[in-house]
């Protein structure tokens, strides 16, 4: 059974404990971290790369919504707050669900079911490891096997991604954010809100774009620091 990593952020320790206790009832979830400090949480989320984030809104220093906006590679996010008025703003940031405190288990269960439905969707790509790691995607009414070594880059177009290989392009229905979550981070890096590139296919780069053969891919402002750090430390 696949395990999903969860991180909890709330400035109220009691609220942290409630979410952790609810999660303990599900065998496929593990709490990889928690914090009452959103600044500390931001650093840990970047390092731990959880699959699911439970996030309070009203917190000191920065709000939960500001924390969401500052993250580059966002996990699925479930907002937990005592204030209903943040619901619209939260959904504009594409959070998975919105729970009002105190969070009853029955309502929490619905949010978990929504997360699992998303992860188990037949449109999602699945990665398989081994000596020659590959990915299986749904396209053209069939499931297609793609060797990770063959991928040059991935482009997000609305709710689809275009996987560019040396000799063909494959389009599958999945958001670029969800697609990136399932890719090994030692092989791929997101350089723009619409582009993921294979690190071993990069032929040249500047502070503004990446070249893969004849293709020039822009580097987004919020991705620049992480990109330069990774490629220059290889």
C-alpha atoms as a PDB file:
ATOM      1  CA  UNK A   1       0.000   0.000   0.000  1.00  0.00           C
ATOM      2  CA  UNK A   2       1.396   3.385  -1.014  1.00  0.00           C
ATOM      3  CA  UNK A   3       2.119   5.734   1.886  1.00  0.00           C
ATOM      4  CA  UNK A   4       1.392   9.450   1.600  1.00  0.00           C
ATOM      5  CA  UNK A   5       3.447  11.958   3.586  1.00  0.00           C
ATOM      6  CA  UNK A   6       1.511  14.686   5.407  1.00  0.00           C
ATOM      7  CA  UNK A   7       2.684  17.925   6.975  1.00  0.00           C
ATOM      8  CA  UNK A   8       0.568  19.985   9.413  1.00  0.00           C
ATOM      9  CA  UNK A   9       0.898  23.729  10.042  1.00  0.00           C
ATOM     10  CA  UNK A  10      -1.132  25.440  12.767  1.00  0.00           C
ATOM     11  CA  UNK A  11      -0.165  27.954  15.452  1.00  0.00           C
ATOM     12  CA  UNK A  12      -2.455  26.137  17.906  1.00  0.00           C
ATOM     13  CA  UNK A  13      -0.870  22.919  19.279  1.00  0.00           C
ATOM     14  CA  UNK A  14      -4.321  21.496  20.061  1.00  0.00           C
ATOM     15  CA  UNK A  15      -5.382  21.894  16.433  1.00  0.00           C
ATOM     16  CA  UNK A  16      -2.186  20.135  15.318  1.00  0.00           C
ATOM     17  CA  UNK A  17      -3.020  17.211  17.566  1.00  0.00           C
ATOM     18  CA  UNK A  18      -6.592  16.927  16.264  1.00  0.00           C
ATOM     19  CA  UNK A  19      -5.422  16.603  12.653  1.00  0.00           C
ATOM     20  CA  UNK A  20      -2.688  14.153  13.637  1.00  0.00           C
ATOM     21  CA  UNK A  21      -5.186  11.999  15.541  1.00  0.00           C
ATOM     22  CA  UNK A  22      -7.580  11.987  12.582  1.00  0.00           C
ATOM     23  CA  UNK A  23      -4.753  10.933  10.251  1.00  0.00           C
ATOM     24  CA  UNK A  24      -3.705   8.102  12.588  1.00  0.00           C
ATOM     25  CA  UNK A  25      -6.929   6.303  11.670  1.00  0.00           C
ATOM     26  CA  UNK A  26      -5.694   5.826   8.078  1.00  0.00           C
ATOM     27  CA  UNK A  27      -2.922   3.313   7.400  1.00  0.00           C
ATOM     28  CA  UNK A  28      -1.829   4.950   4.142  1.00  0.00           C
ATOM     29  CA  UNK A  29      -0.926   8.315   5.709  1.00  0.00           C
ATOM     30  CA  UNK A  30       2.084   9.270   7.805  1.00  0.00           C
ATOM     31  CA  UNK A  31       2.870  12.625   9.421  1.00  0.00           C
ATOM     32  CA  UNK A  32       6.357  13.540   8.208  1.00  0.00           C
ATOM     33  CA  UNK A  33       6.382  16.854  10.082  1.00  0.00           C
ATOM     34  CA  UNK A  34       4.385  19.541  11.853  1.00  0.00           C
ATOM     35  CA  UNK A  35       4.980  23.058  13.107  1.00  0.00           C
ATOM     36  CA  UNK A  36       3.308  25.981  14.856  1.00  0.00           C
ATOM     37  CA  UNK A  37       5.703  28.369  13.079  1.00  0.00           C
ATOM     38  CA  UNK A  38       4.898  29.031   9.386  1.00  0.00           C
ATOM     39  CA  UNK A  39       8.451  30.230   8.628  1.00  0.00           C
ATOM     40  CA  UNK A  40       9.942  27.013   9.996  1.00  0.00           C
ATOM     41  CA  UNK A  41       7.245  25.038   8.202  1.00  0.00           C
ATOM     42  CA  UNK A  42       8.091  26.573   4.834  1.00  0.00           C
ATOM     43  CA  UNK A  43      11.700  25.374   5.076  1.00  0.00           C
ATOM     44  CA  UNK A  44      10.698  21.897   6.230  1.00  0.00           C
ATOM     45  CA  UNK A  45       8.032  21.501   3.532  1.00  0.00           C
ATOM     46  CA  UNK A  46      10.621  22.299   0.878  1.00  0.00           C
ATOM     47  CA  UNK A  47      12.966  19.668   2.314  1.00  0.00           C
ATOM     48  CA  UNK A  48      10.434  16.933   3.116  1.00  0.00           C
ATOM     49  CA  UNK A  49       8.230  17.358   0.003  1.00  0.00           C
ATOM     50  CA  UNK A  50       4.994  16.049   1.556  1.00  0.00           C
ATOM     51  CA  UNK A  51       2.138  14.788  -0.593  1.00  0.00           C
ATOM     52  CA  UNK A  52      -0.512  16.536   1.497  1.00  0.00           C
ATOM     53  CA  UNK A  53      -0.380  19.733   3.556  1.00  0.00           C
ATOM     54  CA  UNK A  54      -2.868  20.716   6.267  1.00  0.00           C
ATOM     55  CA  UNK A  55      -2.612  24.471   6.692  1.00  0.00           C
ATOM     56  CA  UNK A  56      -4.125  27.036   9.043  1.00  0.00           C
ATOM     57  CA  UNK A  57      -4.822  30.550   7.698  1.00  0.00           C
ATOM     58  CA  UNK A  58      -4.534  32.969  10.623  1.00  0.00           C
ATOM     59  CA  UNK A  59      -0.960  32.658  11.893  1.00  0.00           C
ATOM     60  CA  UNK A  60       1.744  35.078  13.099  1.00  0.00           C
ATOM     61  CA  UNK A  61       4.305  36.574  10.700  1.00  0.00           C
ATOM     62  CA  UNK A  62       2.722  35.210   7.508  1.00  0.00           C
ATOM     63  CA  UNK A  63      -0.752  33.860   6.813  1.00  0.00           C
ATOM     64  CA  UNK A  64      -1.450  30.436   5.377  1.00  0.00           C
ATOM     65  CA  UNK A  65      -2.494  32.022   2.073  1.00  0.00           C
ATOM     66  CA  UNK A  66       0.819  33.908   1.888  1.00  0.00           C
ATOM     67  CA  UNK A  67       2.650  30.673   2.615  1.00  0.00           C
ATOM     68  CA  UNK A  68       0.836  28.972  -0.287  1.00  0.00           C
ATOM     69  CA  UNK A  69       1.776  31.794  -2.649  1.00  0.00           C
ATOM     70  CA  UNK A  70       5.452  31.547  -1.630  1.00  0.00           C
ATOM     71  CA  UNK A  71       5.767  27.816  -2.351  1.00  0.00           C
ATOM     72  CA  UNK A  72       7.182  26.684  -5.703  1.00  0.00           C
ATOM     73  CA  UNK A  73       6.263  22.996  -5.853  1.00  0.00           C
ATOM     74  CA  UNK A  74       3.014  22.797  -3.941  1.00  0.00           C
ATOM     75  CA  UNK A  75       1.678  19.583  -2.432  1.00  0.00           C
ATOM     76  CA  UNK A  76      -2.065  19.050  -2.301  1.00  0.00           C
ATOM     77  CA  UNK A  77      -3.370  21.474   0.329  1.00  0.00           C
ATOM     78  CA  UNK A  78      -6.275  21.239   2.756  1.00  0.00           C
ATOM     79  CA  UNK A  79      -7.008  24.470   4.613  1.00  0.00           C
ATOM     80  CA  UNK A  80      -8.033  24.243   8.271  1.00  0.00           C
ATOM     81  CA  UNK A  81      -9.345  27.437   9.838  1.00  0.00           C
ATOM     82  CA  UNK A  82     -11.987  28.916  12.098  1.00  0.00           C
ATOM     83  CA  UNK A  83     -12.848  31.570   9.510  1.00  0.00           C
ATOM     84  CA  UNK A  84     -15.216  30.693   6.666  1.00  0.00           C
ATOM     85  CA  UNK A  85     -14.563  33.960   4.830  1.00  0.00           C
ATOM     86  CA  UNK A  86     -11.251  32.621   3.493  1.00  0.00           C
ATOM     87  CA  UNK A  87     -12.930  29.849   1.500  1.00  0.00           C
ATOM     88  CA  UNK A  88     -13.161  31.712  -1.824  1.00  0.00           C
ATOM     89  CA  UNK A  89      -9.588  32.997  -1.583  1.00  0.00           C
ATOM     90  CA  UNK A  90      -8.371  29.518  -0.750  1.00  0.00           C
ATOM     91  CA  UNK A  91     -10.063  27.877  -3.702  1.00  0.00           C
ATOM     92  CA  UNK A  92      -8.673  30.568  -6.013  1.00  0.00           C
ATOM     93  CA  UNK A  93      -5.257  29.209  -4.979  1.00  0.00           C
ATOM     94  CA  UNK A  94      -6.491  25.733  -5.995  1.00  0.00           C
ATOM     95  CA  UNK A  95      -6.518  24.123  -2.568  1.00  0.00           C
ATOM     96  CA  UNK A  96      -8.003  20.646  -2.406  1.00  0.00           C
ATOM     97  CA  UNK A  97     -10.470  21.293   0.409  1.00  0.00           C
ATOM     98  CA  UNK A  98     -11.446  23.723   3.156  1.00  0.00           C
ATOM     99  CA  UNK A  99     -12.173  22.500   6.706  1.00  0.00           C
ATOM    100  CA  UNK A 100     -13.693  24.691   9.411  1.00  0.00           C
ATOM    101  CA  UNK A 101     -12.499  24.182  12.990  1.00  0.00           C
ATOM    102  CA  UNK A 102     -13.227  22.342  15.106  1.00  0.00           C
ATOM    103  CA  UNK A 103     -12.834  19.690  12.389  1.00  0.00           C
ATOM    104  CA  UNK A 104     -15.262  16.767  12.887  1.00  0.00           C
ATOM    105  CA  UNK A 105     -13.941  13.395  11.753  1.00  0.00           C
ATOM    106  CA  UNK A 106     -16.881  12.847   9.380  1.00  0.00           C
ATOM    107  CA  UNK A 107     -15.995  16.006   7.428  1.00  0.00           C
ATOM    108  CA  UNK A 108     -12.269  15.184   7.621  1.00  0.00           C
ATOM    109  CA  UNK A 109     -13.012  11.797   6.042  1.00  0.00           C
ATOM    110  CA  UNK A 110     -14.592  13.479   3.007  1.00  0.00           C
ATOM    111  CA  UNK A 111     -11.463  15.564   2.487  1.00  0.00           C
ATOM    112  CA  UNK A 112      -9.276  12.441   2.666  1.00  0.00           C
ATOM    113  CA  UNK A 113     -11.527  10.644   0.177  1.00  0.00           C
ATOM    114  CA  UNK A 114     -11.184  13.589  -2.192  1.00  0.00           C
ATOM    115  CA  UNK A 115      -7.388  13.379  -1.937  1.00  0.00           C
ATOM    116  CA  UNK A 116      -7.373   9.625  -2.584  1.00  0.00           C
ATOM    117  CA  UNK A 117      -9.729   9.968  -5.555  1.00  0.00           C
ATOM    118  CA  UNK A 118      -7.333  12.495  -7.049  1.00  0.00           C
ATOM    119  CA  UNK A 119      -4.302  10.272  -6.509  1.00  0.00           C
ATOM    120  CA  UNK A 120      -6.024   7.151  -7.801  1.00  0.00           C
ATOM    121  CA  UNK A 121      -7.515   8.856 -10.860  1.00  0.00           C
ATOM    122  CA  UNK A 122      -6.953   6.811 -14.052  1.00  0.00           C
ATOM    123  CA  UNK A 123      -5.697  10.001 -15.705  1.00  0.00           C
ATOM    124  CA  UNK A 124      -2.762  10.243 -13.319  1.00  0.00           C
ATOM    125  CA  UNK A 125       0.686   9.161 -14.361  1.00  0.00           C
ATOM    126  CA  UNK A 126       2.409   6.455 -12.325  1.00  0.00           C
ATOM    127  CA  UNK A 127       6.146   6.007 -11.982  1.00  0.00           C
ATOM    128  CA  UNK A 128       7.765   2.597 -11.630  1.00  0.00           C
ATOM    129  CA  UNK A 129      11.344   2.253 -10.464  1.00  0.00           C
ATOM    130  CA  UNK A 130      13.991  -0.356 -11.067  1.00  0.00           C
ATOM    131  CA  UNK A 131      17.038  -0.440 -13.268  1.00  0.00           C
ATOM    132  CA  UNK A 132      15.222   1.413 -16.069  1.00  0.00           C
ATOM    133  CA  UNK A 133      12.616   3.645 -14.433  1.00  0.00           C
ATOM    134  CA  UNK A 134       9.565   4.332 -16.527  1.00  0.00           C
ATOM    135  CA  UNK A 135       6.259   6.138 -16.351  1.00  0.00           C
ATOM    136  CA  UNK A 136       2.827   4.966 -17.520  1.00  0.00           C
ATOM    137  CA  UNK A 137       0.388   7.566 -18.844  1.00  0.00           C
ATOM    138  CA  UNK A 138      -3.112   7.496 -20.319  1.00  0.00           C
ATOM    139  CA  UNK A 139      -3.201   8.830 -23.878  1.00  0.00           C
ATOM    140  CA  UNK A 140      -5.135   8.010 -27.055  1.00  0.00           C
ATOM    141  CA  UNK A 141      -7.421   5.592 -25.179  1.00  0.00           C
ATOM    142  CA  UNK A 142      -4.531   3.400 -24.051  1.00  0.00           C
ATOM    143  CA  UNK A 143      -1.828   3.247 -21.403  1.00  0.00           C
ATOM    144  CA  UNK A 144       1.602   4.119 -22.757  1.00  0.00           C
ATOM    145  CA  UNK A 145       4.936   3.195 -21.197  1.00  0.00           C
ATOM    146  CA  UNK A 146       7.590   5.932 -21.353  1.00  0.00           C
ATOM    147  CA  UNK A 147      11.192   5.436 -20.251  1.00  0.00           C
ATOM    148  CA  UNK A 148      12.219   8.342 -18.023  1.00  0.00           C
ATOM    149  CA  UNK A 149      15.569   8.482 -19.802  1.00  0.00           C
ATOM    150  CA  UNK A 150      13.732   9.336 -23.043  1.00  0.00           C
ATOM    151  CA  UNK A 151      11.931  12.408 -21.706  1.00  0.00           C
ATOM    152  CA  UNK A 152      13.436  15.726 -22.858  1.00  0.00           C
ATOM    153  CA  UNK A 153      10.947  18.071 -21.207  1.00  0.00           C
ATOM    154  CA  UNK A 154       7.295  18.381 -20.195  1.00  0.00           C
ATOM    155  CA  UNK A 155       5.049  21.309 -21.018  1.00  0.00           C
ATOM    156  CA  UNK A 156       1.841  22.084 -19.130  1.00  0.00           C
ATOM    157  CA  UNK A 157      -1.147  23.264 -21.172  1.00  0.00           C
ATOM    158  CA  UNK A 158      -4.201  23.964 -18.994  1.00  0.00           C
ATOM    159  CA  UNK A 159      -5.227  20.582 -17.508  1.00  0.00           C
ATOM    160  CA  UNK A 160      -2.913  18.583 -19.774  1.00  0.00           C
ATOM    161  CA  UNK A 161       0.808  17.948 -20.102  1.00  0.00           C
ATOM    162  CA  UNK A 162       2.766  17.409 -23.299  1.00  0.00           C
ATOM    163  CA  UNK A 163       5.626  14.958 -22.795  1.00  0.00           C
ATOM    164  CA  UNK A 164       8.332  15.654 -25.371  1.00  0.00           C
ATOM    165  CA  UNK A 165      10.528  12.705 -26.425  1.00  0.00           C
ATOM    166  CA  UNK A 166      13.265  12.672 -29.088  1.00  0.00           C
ATOM    167  CA  UNK A 167      10.918  11.306 -31.760  1.00  0.00           C
ATOM    168  CA  UNK A 168       7.379  12.034 -30.555  1.00  0.00           C
ATOM    169  CA  UNK A 169       5.118  14.052 -28.239  1.00  0.00           C
ATOM    170  CA  UNK A 170       2.528  12.472 -25.942  1.00  0.00           C
ATOM    171  CA  UNK A 171      -0.361  14.426 -24.417  1.00  0.00           C
ATOM    172  CA  UNK A 172      -2.103  13.198 -21.267  1.00  0.00           C
ATOM    173  CA  UNK A 173      -4.754  14.724 -19.043  1.00  0.00           C
ATOM    174  CA  UNK A 174      -3.101  15.674 -15.748  1.00  0.00           C
ATOM    175  CA  UNK A 175      -1.985  19.010 -14.309  1.00  0.00           C
ATOM    176  CA  UNK A 176       1.716  19.803 -14.484  1.00  0.00           C
ATOM    177  CA  UNK A 177       1.820  20.164 -10.688  1.00  0.00           C
ATOM    178  CA  UNK A 178       0.473  16.675 -10.066  1.00  0.00           C
ATOM    179  CA  UNK A 179       2.670  15.244 -12.821  1.00  0.00           C
ATOM    180  CA  UNK A 180       5.803  16.749 -11.271  1.00  0.00           C
ATOM    181  CA  UNK A 181       5.024  15.288  -7.843  1.00  0.00           C
ATOM    182  CA  UNK A 182       5.382  11.769  -9.204  1.00  0.00           C
ATOM    183  CA  UNK A 183       8.683  12.375 -11.005  1.00  0.00           C
ATOM    184  CA  UNK A 184      12.052  11.640  -9.349  1.00  0.00           C
ATOM    185  CA  UNK A 185      13.548  14.984  -8.316  1.00  0.00           C
ATOM    186  CA  UNK A 186      17.098  13.796  -8.987  1.00  0.00           C
ATOM    187  CA  UNK A 187      16.184  13.540 -12.701  1.00  0.00           C
ATOM    188  CA  UNK A 188      13.734  16.391 -13.287  1.00  0.00           C
ATOM    189  CA  UNK A 189      13.369  20.028 -12.240  1.00  0.00           C
ATOM    190  CA  UNK A 190      10.560  22.515 -12.746  1.00  0.00           C
ATOM    191  CA  UNK A 191      11.912  25.726 -14.292  1.00  0.00           C
ATOM    192  CA  UNK A 192       8.660  27.533 -15.071  1.00  0.00           C
ATOM    193  CA  UNK A 193       5.004  27.196 -14.126  1.00  0.00           C
ATOM    194  CA  UNK A 194       4.504  25.503 -17.513  1.00  0.00           C
ATOM    195  CA  UNK A 195       7.771  23.580 -17.959  1.00  0.00           C
ATOM    196  CA  UNK A 196       9.646  20.679 -16.379  1.00  0.00           C
ATOM    197  CA  UNK A 197      12.996  19.657 -17.850  1.00  0.00           C
ATOM    198  CA  UNK A 198      15.109  16.505 -17.654  1.00  0.00           C
ATOM    199  CA  UNK A 199      18.397  17.513 -16.024  1.00  0.00           C
ATOM    200  CA  UNK A 200      20.488  15.191 -18.190  1.00  0.00           C
ATOM    201  CA  UNK A 201      19.015  16.667 -21.386  1.00  0.00           C
ATOM    202  CA  UNK A 202      20.109  20.256 -20.642  1.00  0.00           C
ATOM    203  CA  UNK A 203      22.659  21.324 -23.257  1.00  0.00           C
ATOM    204  CA  UNK A 204      23.091  24.944 -22.109  1.00  0.00           C
ATOM    205  CA  UNK A 205      21.508  27.489 -19.795  1.00  0.00           C
ATOM    206  CA  UNK A 206      21.560  31.114 -18.714  1.00  0.00           C
ATOM    207  CA  UNK A 207      19.891  32.864 -15.811  1.00  0.00           C
ATOM    208  CA  UNK A 208      16.851  33.340 -18.060  1.00  0.00           C
ATOM    209  CA  UNK A 209      16.403  30.166 -20.100  1.00  0.00           C
ATOM    210  CA  UNK A 210      17.346  26.510 -20.522  1.00  0.00           C
ATOM    211  CA  UNK A 211      18.353  24.928 -23.816  1.00  0.00           C
ATOM    212  CA  UNK A 212      17.511  21.346 -24.681  1.00  0.00           C
ATOM    213  CA  UNK A 213      18.875  20.875 -28.175  1.00  0.00           C
ATOM    214  CA  UNK A 214      17.280  23.600 -30.300  1.00  0.00           C
ATOM    215  CA  UNK A 215      14.499  24.271 -27.802  1.00  0.00           C
ATOM    216  CA  UNK A 216      14.794  27.324 -25.530  1.00  0.00           C
ATOM    217  CA  UNK A 217      12.682  27.056 -22.378  1.00  0.00           C
ATOM    218  CA  UNK A 218      12.144  30.116 -20.154  1.00  0.00           C
ATOM    219  CA  UNK A 219      13.089  30.053 -16.477  1.00  0.00           C
ATOM    220  CA  UNK A 220      10.368  31.561 -14.294  1.00  0.00           C
ATOM    221  CA  UNK A 221      11.378  34.175 -11.727  1.00  0.00           C
ATOM    222  CA  UNK A 222      10.330  32.104  -8.719  1.00  0.00           C
ATOM    223  CA  UNK A 223      12.138  29.000 -10.040  1.00  0.00           C
ATOM    224  CA  UNK A 224      15.447  30.685 -10.927  1.00  0.00           C
ATOM    225  CA  UNK A 225      17.219  30.431  -7.564  1.00  0.00           C
ATOM    226  CA  UNK A 226      16.450  26.728  -7.097  1.00  0.00           C
ATOM    227  CA  UNK A 227      17.349  25.898 -10.697  1.00  0.00           C
ATOM    228  CA  UNK A 228      20.747  27.610 -10.568  1.00  0.00           C
ATOM    229  CA  UNK A 229      21.494  26.051  -7.198  1.00  0.00           C
ATOM    230  CA  UNK A 230      20.780  22.540  -8.470  1.00  0.00           C
ATOM    231  CA  UNK A 231      22.550  22.689 -11.816  1.00  0.00           C
ATOM    232  CA  UNK A 232      25.639  24.438 -10.454  1.00  0.00           C
ATOM    233  CA  UNK A 233      26.040  21.972  -7.584  1.00  0.00           C
ATOM    234  CA  UNK A 234      25.803  18.833  -9.703  1.00  0.00           C
END
